[in-house]
């Protein structure tokens, strides 16, 4: 989440990366600026989909 406004245009790709957490949703990001963990050690799972903006909508590039 951020406060930057913008517009998706044809040809752009985006990655949507939800995280599911078993207990509390409080997280901590390590000093490396990349690794994020639950602050209480709860189990979590992260997955992602990459989507392509097309003239007629969106195409999911990571279909199974």
PDB file of N, CA and C in Angstrom:
ATOM      1  N   UNK A   1       0.845  -1.192   0.000  1.00  0.00           N
ATOM      2  CA  UNK A   1       0.000   0.000   0.000  1.00  0.00           C
ATOM      3  C   UNK A   1       0.878   1.239   0.000  1.00  0.00           C
ATOM      4  N   UNK A   2       0.474   2.180  -0.764  1.00  0.00           N
ATOM      5  CA  UNK A   2       1.164   3.468  -0.755  1.00  0.00           C
ATOM      6  C   UNK A   2       0.178   4.552  -1.160  1.00  0.00           C
ATOM      7  N   UNK A   3       0.633   5.771  -1.115  1.00  0.00           N
ATOM      8  CA  UNK A   3      -0.244   6.895  -1.437  1.00  0.00           C
ATOM      9  C   UNK A   3       0.027   7.447  -2.828  1.00  0.00           C
ATOM     10  N   UNK A   4       0.776   6.705  -3.649  1.00  0.00           N
ATOM     11  CA  UNK A   4       1.061   7.159  -5.007  1.00  0.00           C
ATOM     12  C   UNK A   4      -0.115   6.830  -5.908  1.00  0.00           C
ATOM     13  N   UNK A   5      -0.642   7.852  -6.562  1.00  0.00           N
ATOM     14  CA  UNK A   5      -1.721   7.586  -7.502  1.00  0.00           C
ATOM     15  C   UNK A   5      -1.104   7.151  -8.826  1.00  0.00           C
ATOM     16  N   UNK A   6      -1.858   6.492  -9.627  1.00  0.00           N
ATOM     17  CA  UNK A   6      -1.346   6.038 -10.902  1.00  0.00           C
ATOM     18  C   UNK A   6      -2.440   5.381 -11.702  1.00  0.00           C
ATOM     19  N   UNK A   7      -2.076   4.935 -12.871  1.00  0.00           N
ATOM     20  CA  UNK A   7      -3.040   4.310 -13.759  1.00  0.00           C
ATOM     21  C   UNK A   7      -2.377   3.098 -14.414  1.00  0.00           C
ATOM     22  N   UNK A   8      -3.079   1.990 -14.412  1.00  0.00           N
ATOM     23  CA  UNK A   8      -2.588   0.801 -15.099  1.00  0.00           C
ATOM     24  C   UNK A   8      -2.848   0.983 -16.580  1.00  0.00           C
ATOM     25  N   UNK A   9      -1.844   0.677 -17.393  1.00  0.00           N
ATOM     26  CA  UNK A   9      -2.007   0.823 -18.838  1.00  0.00           C
ATOM     27  C   UNK A   9      -1.635  -0.489 -19.538  1.00  0.00           C
ATOM     28  N   UNK A  10      -2.143  -0.660 -20.732  1.00  0.00           N
ATOM     29  CA  UNK A  10      -1.898  -1.857 -21.517  1.00  0.00           C
ATOM     30  C   UNK A  10      -0.402  -2.142 -21.623  1.00  0.00           C
ATOM     31  N   UNK A  11      -0.034  -3.406 -21.406  1.00  0.00           N
ATOM     32  CA  UNK A  11       1.358  -3.827 -21.502  1.00  0.00           C
ATOM     33  C   UNK A  11       2.087  -3.899 -20.167  1.00  0.00           C
ATOM     34  N   UNK A  12       1.534  -3.297 -19.134  1.00  0.00           N
ATOM     35  CA  UNK A  12       2.181  -3.367 -17.815  1.00  0.00           C
ATOM     36  C   UNK A  12       1.880  -4.713 -17.159  1.00  0.00           C
ATOM     37  N   UNK A  13       2.812  -5.170 -16.337  1.00  0.00           N
ATOM     38  CA  UNK A  13       2.581  -6.367 -15.529  1.00  0.00           C
ATOM     39  C   UNK A  13       2.683  -5.995 -14.059  1.00  0.00           C
ATOM     40  N   UNK A  14       1.924  -6.709 -13.247  1.00  0.00           N
ATOM     41  CA  UNK A  14       1.909  -6.483 -11.810  1.00  0.00           C
ATOM     42  C   UNK A  14       1.932  -7.821 -11.095  1.00  0.00           C
ATOM     43  N   UNK A  15       2.534  -7.836  -9.932  1.00  0.00           N
ATOM     44  CA  UNK A  15       2.516  -9.027  -9.096  1.00  0.00           C
ATOM     45  C   UNK A  15       1.672  -8.742  -7.871  1.00  0.00           C
ATOM     46  N   UNK A  16       0.713  -9.611  -7.606  1.00  0.00           N
ATOM     47  CA  UNK A  16      -0.147  -9.520  -6.430  1.00  0.00           C
ATOM     48  C   UNK A  16       0.329 -10.597  -5.473  1.00  0.00           C
ATOM     49  N   UNK A  17       0.706 -10.211  -4.251  1.00  0.00           N
ATOM     50  CA  UNK A  17       1.351 -11.141  -3.321  1.00  0.00           C
ATOM     51  C   UNK A  17       0.667 -11.149  -1.953  1.00  0.00           C
ATOM     52  N   UNK A  18      -0.481 -11.818  -1.829  1.00  0.00           N
ATOM     53  CA  UNK A  18      -1.120 -11.892  -0.511  1.00  0.00           C
ATOM     54  C   UNK A  18      -0.354 -12.803   0.445  1.00  0.00           C
ATOM     55  N   UNK A  19      -0.487 -12.533   1.727  1.00  0.00           N
ATOM     56  CA  UNK A  19       0.109 -13.363   2.778  1.00  0.00           C
ATOM     57  C   UNK A  19      -1.019 -13.807   3.711  1.00  0.00           C
ATOM     58  N   UNK A  20      -1.102 -15.108   3.964  1.00  0.00           N
ATOM     59  CA  UNK A  20      -2.084 -15.654   4.901  1.00  0.00           C
ATOM     60  C   UNK A  20      -1.360 -15.973   6.205  1.00  0.00           C
ATOM     61  N   UNK A  21      -1.922 -15.508   7.318  1.00  0.00           N
ATOM     62  CA  UNK A  21      -1.287 -15.695   8.629  1.00  0.00           C
ATOM     63  C   UNK A  21      -2.253 -16.438   9.545  1.00  0.00           C
ATOM     64  N   UNK A  22      -1.738 -17.442  10.267  1.00  0.00           N
ATOM     65  CA  UNK A  22      -2.570 -18.279  11.129  1.00  0.00           C
ATOM     66  C   UNK A  22      -3.100 -17.561  12.365  1.00  0.00           C
ATOM     67  N   UNK A  23      -2.369 -16.621  12.919  1.00  0.00           N
ATOM     68  CA  UNK A  23      -2.798 -16.003  14.172  1.00  0.00           C
ATOM     69  C   UNK A  23      -2.909 -14.501  13.974  1.00  0.00           C
ATOM     70  N   UNK A  24      -2.094 -13.738  14.675  1.00  0.00           N
ATOM     71  CA  UNK A  24      -2.119 -12.280  14.536  1.00  0.00           C
ATOM     72  C   UNK A  24      -1.541 -11.852  13.198  1.00  0.00           C
ATOM     73  N   UNK A  25      -1.936 -10.693  12.737  1.00  0.00           N
ATOM     74  CA  UNK A  25      -1.449 -10.183  11.452  1.00  0.00           C
ATOM     75  C   UNK A  25      -0.335  -9.152  11.636  1.00  0.00           C
ATOM     76  N   UNK A  26       0.359  -9.200  12.767  1.00  0.00           N
ATOM     77  CA  UNK A  26       1.455  -8.266  13.005  1.00  0.00           C
ATOM     78  C   UNK A  26       2.742  -8.842  12.425  1.00  0.00           C
ATOM     79  N   UNK A  27       3.434  -8.045  11.615  1.00  0.00           N
ATOM     80  CA  UNK A  27       4.653  -8.512  10.958  1.00  0.00           C
ATOM     81  C   UNK A  27       5.818  -7.576  11.232  1.00  0.00           C
ATOM     82  N   UNK A  28       7.008  -8.104  11.066  1.00  0.00           N
ATOM     83  CA  UNK A  28       8.249  -7.347  11.242  1.00  0.00           C
ATOM     84  C   UNK A  28       9.100  -7.579   9.996  1.00  0.00           C
ATOM     85  N   UNK A  29       9.675  -6.518   9.449  1.00  0.00           N
ATOM     86  CA  UNK A  29      10.589  -6.652   8.322  1.00  0.00           C
ATOM     87  C   UNK A  29      12.008  -6.551   8.845  1.00  0.00           C
ATOM     88  N   UNK A  30      12.842  -7.510   8.449  1.00  0.00           N
ATOM     89  CA  UNK A  30      14.229  -7.537   8.908  1.00  0.00           C
ATOM     90  C   UNK A  30      15.023  -6.367   8.333  1.00  0.00           C
ATOM     91  N   UNK A  31      16.196  -6.143   8.884  1.00  0.00           N
ATOM     92  CA  UNK A  31      17.048  -5.039   8.459  1.00  0.00           C
ATOM     93  C   UNK A  31      17.446  -5.124   6.988  1.00  0.00           C
ATOM     94  N   UNK A  32      17.360  -6.317   6.387  1.00  0.00           N
ATOM     95  CA  UNK A  32      17.722  -6.438   4.971  1.00  0.00           C
ATOM     96  C   UNK A  32      16.690  -5.771   4.057  1.00  0.00           C
ATOM     97  N   UNK A  33      15.562  -5.315   4.644  1.00  0.00           N
ATOM     98  CA  UNK A  33      14.549  -4.604   3.892  1.00  0.00           C
ATOM     99  C   UNK A  33      13.686  -5.485   3.006  1.00  0.00           C
ATOM    100  N   UNK A  34      13.853  -6.803   3.088  1.00  0.00           N
ATOM    101  CA  UNK A  34      13.154  -7.732   2.211  1.00  0.00           C
ATOM    102  C   UNK A  34      12.370  -8.789   2.975  1.00  0.00           C
ATOM    103  N   UNK A  35      13.024  -9.428   3.942  1.00  0.00           N
ATOM    104  CA  UNK A  35      12.421 -10.542   4.679  1.00  0.00           C
ATOM    105  C   UNK A  35      11.412 -10.010   5.689  1.00  0.00           C
ATOM    106  N   UNK A  36      10.199 -10.563   5.630  1.00  0.00           N
ATOM    107  CA  UNK A  36       9.155 -10.180   6.575  1.00  0.00           C
ATOM    108  C   UNK A  36       8.663 -11.437   7.280  1.00  0.00           C
ATOM    109  N   UNK A  37       8.530 -11.366   8.601  1.00  0.00           N
ATOM    110  CA  UNK A  37       8.082 -12.502   9.413  1.00  0.00           C
ATOM    111  C   UNK A  37       7.000 -12.021  10.374  1.00  0.00           C
ATOM    112  N   UNK A  38       6.225 -12.979  10.912  1.00  0.00           N
ATOM    113  CA  UNK A  38       5.250 -12.608  11.942  1.00  0.00           C
ATOM    114  C   UNK A  38       6.007 -12.286  13.226  1.00  0.00           C
ATOM    115  N   UNK A  39       5.528 -11.304  13.952  1.00  0.00           N
ATOM    116  CA  UNK A  39       6.263 -10.897  15.155  1.00  0.00           C
ATOM    117  C   UNK A  39       6.125 -11.886  16.301  1.00  0.00           C
ATOM    118  N   UNK A  40       5.132 -12.784  16.242  1.00  0.00           N
ATOM    119  CA  UNK A  40       4.952 -13.766  17.314  1.00  0.00           C
ATOM    120  C   UNK A  40       5.292 -15.195  16.878  1.00  0.00           C
ATOM    121  N   UNK A  41       5.873 -15.352  15.683  1.00  0.00           N
ATOM    122  CA  UNK A  41       6.261 -16.671  15.205  1.00  0.00           C
ATOM    123  C   UNK A  41       5.122 -17.490  14.616  1.00  0.00           C
ATOM    124  N   UNK A  42       3.960 -16.864  14.398  1.00  0.00           N
ATOM    125  CA  UNK A  42       2.826 -17.581  13.804  1.00  0.00           C
ATOM    126  C   UNK A  42       3.181 -18.067  12.403  1.00  0.00           C
ATOM    127  N   UNK A  43       2.544 -19.187  12.014  1.00  0.00           N
ATOM    128  CA  UNK A  43       2.732 -19.706  10.663  1.00  0.00           C
ATOM    129  C   UNK A  43       2.154 -18.735   9.651  1.00  0.00           C
ATOM    130  N   UNK A  44       2.808 -18.633   8.505  1.00  0.00           N
ATOM    131  CA  UNK A  44       2.326 -17.779   7.427  1.00  0.00           C
ATOM    132  C   UNK A  44       2.665 -18.420   6.088  1.00  0.00           C
ATOM    133  N   UNK A  45       1.887 -18.088   5.085  1.00  0.00           N
ATOM    134  CA  UNK A  45       2.140 -18.565   3.722  1.00  0.00           C
ATOM    135  C   UNK A  45       1.959 -17.397   2.767  1.00  0.00           C
ATOM    136  N   UNK A  46       2.865 -17.282   1.827  1.00  0.00           N
ATOM    137  CA  UNK A  46       2.809 -16.208   0.844  1.00  0.00           C
ATOM    138  C   UNK A  46       2.756 -16.840  -0.531  1.00  0.00           C
ATOM    139  N   UNK A  47       1.956 -16.287  -1.412  1.00  0.00           N
ATOM    140  CA  UNK A  47       1.918 -16.759  -2.793  1.00  0.00           C
ATOM    141  C   UNK A  47       1.746 -15.550  -3.693  1.00  0.00           C
ATOM    142  N   UNK A  48       1.875 -15.761  -4.980  1.00  0.00           N
ATOM    143  CA  UNK A  48       1.771 -14.608  -5.871  1.00  0.00           C
ATOM    144  C   UNK A  48       1.181 -14.998  -7.213  1.00  0.00           C
ATOM    145  N   UNK A  49       0.587 -14.012  -7.839  1.00  0.00           N
ATOM    146  CA  UNK A  49       0.146 -14.112  -9.220  1.00  0.00           C
ATOM    147  C   UNK A  49       0.676 -12.903  -9.967  1.00  0.00           C
ATOM    148  N   UNK A  50       1.110 -13.112 -11.187  1.00  0.00           N
ATOM    149  CA  UNK A  50       1.529 -12.014 -12.044  1.00  0.00           C
ATOM    150  C   UNK A  50       0.445 -11.814 -13.081  1.00  0.00           C
ATOM    151  N   UNK A  51       0.021 -10.564 -13.266  1.00  0.00           N
ATOM    152  CA  UNK A  51      -1.031 -10.254 -14.218  1.00  0.00           C
ATOM    153  C   UNK A  51      -0.520  -9.259 -15.254  1.00  0.00           C
ATOM    154  N   UNK A  52      -1.045  -9.371 -16.451  1.00  0.00           N
ATOM    155  CA  UNK A  52      -0.710  -8.491 -17.560  1.00  0.00           C
ATOM    156  C   UNK A  52      -1.940  -7.674 -17.900  1.00  0.00           C
ATOM    157  N   UNK A  53      -1.790  -6.365 -17.980  1.00  0.00           N
ATOM    158  CA  UNK A  53      -2.892  -5.497 -18.383  1.00  0.00           C
ATOM    159  C   UNK A  53      -2.989  -5.543 -19.910  1.00  0.00           C
ATOM    160  N   UNK A  54      -4.171  -5.910 -20.405  1.00  0.00           N
ATOM    161  CA  UNK A  54      -4.396  -5.993 -21.849  1.00  0.00           C
ATOM    162  C   UNK A  54      -5.429  -4.953 -22.272  1.00  0.00           C
ATOM    163  N   UNK A  55      -5.650  -4.827 -23.559  1.00  0.00           N
ATOM    164  CA  UNK A  55      -6.617  -3.868 -24.078  1.00  0.00           C
ATOM    165  C   UNK A  55      -8.026  -4.177 -23.571  1.00  0.00           C
ATOM    166  N   UNK A  56      -8.311  -5.467 -23.346  1.00  0.00           N
ATOM    167  CA  UNK A  56      -9.660  -5.877 -22.949  1.00  0.00           C
ATOM    168  C   UNK A  56      -9.793  -6.220 -21.471  1.00  0.00           C
ATOM    169  N   UNK A  57      -8.740  -6.103 -20.703  1.00  0.00           N
ATOM    170  CA  UNK A  57      -8.812  -6.433 -19.278  1.00  0.00           C
ATOM    171  C   UNK A  57      -7.478  -6.866 -18.733  1.00  0.00           C
ATOM    172  N   UNK A  58      -7.480  -8.003 -18.036  1.00  0.00           N
ATOM    173  CA  UNK A  58      -6.263  -8.507 -17.401  1.00  0.00           C
ATOM    174  C   UNK A  58      -6.104  -9.983 -17.730  1.00  0.00           C
ATOM    175  N   UNK A  59      -4.868 -10.400 -17.998  1.00  0.00           N
ATOM    176  CA  UNK A  59      -4.553 -11.807 -18.214  1.00  0.00           C
ATOM    177  C   UNK A  59      -3.686 -12.283 -17.064  1.00  0.00           C
ATOM    178  N   UNK A  60      -4.088 -13.368 -16.411  1.00  0.00           N
ATOM    179  CA  UNK A  60      -3.287 -13.941 -15.334  1.00  0.00           C
ATOM    180  C   UNK A  60      -2.194 -14.785 -15.969  1.00  0.00           C
ATOM    181  N   UNK A  61      -0.931 -14.416 -15.733  1.00  0.00           N
ATOM    182  CA  UNK A  61       0.198 -15.108 -16.364  1.00  0.00           C
ATOM    183  C   UNK A  61       0.644 -16.336 -15.581  1.00  0.00           C
ATOM    184  N   UNK A  62       0.210 -16.472 -14.336  1.00  0.00           N
ATOM    185  CA  UNK A  62       0.678 -17.564 -13.479  1.00  0.00           C
ATOM    186  C   UNK A  62      -0.416 -18.587 -13.209  1.00  0.00           C
ATOM    187  N   UNK A  63      -1.260 -18.854 -14.180  1.00  0.00           N
ATOM    188  CA  UNK A  63      -2.321 -19.872 -14.023  1.00  0.00           C
ATOM    189  C   UNK A  63      -1.677 -21.233 -13.832  1.00  0.00           C
ATOM    190  N   UNK A  64      -2.351 -22.085 -13.082  1.00  0.00           N
ATOM    191  CA  UNK A  64      -1.860 -23.453 -12.855  1.00  0.00           C
ATOM    192  C   UNK A  64      -2.515 -24.375 -13.835  1.00  0.00           C
TER     193      UNK A  64
END
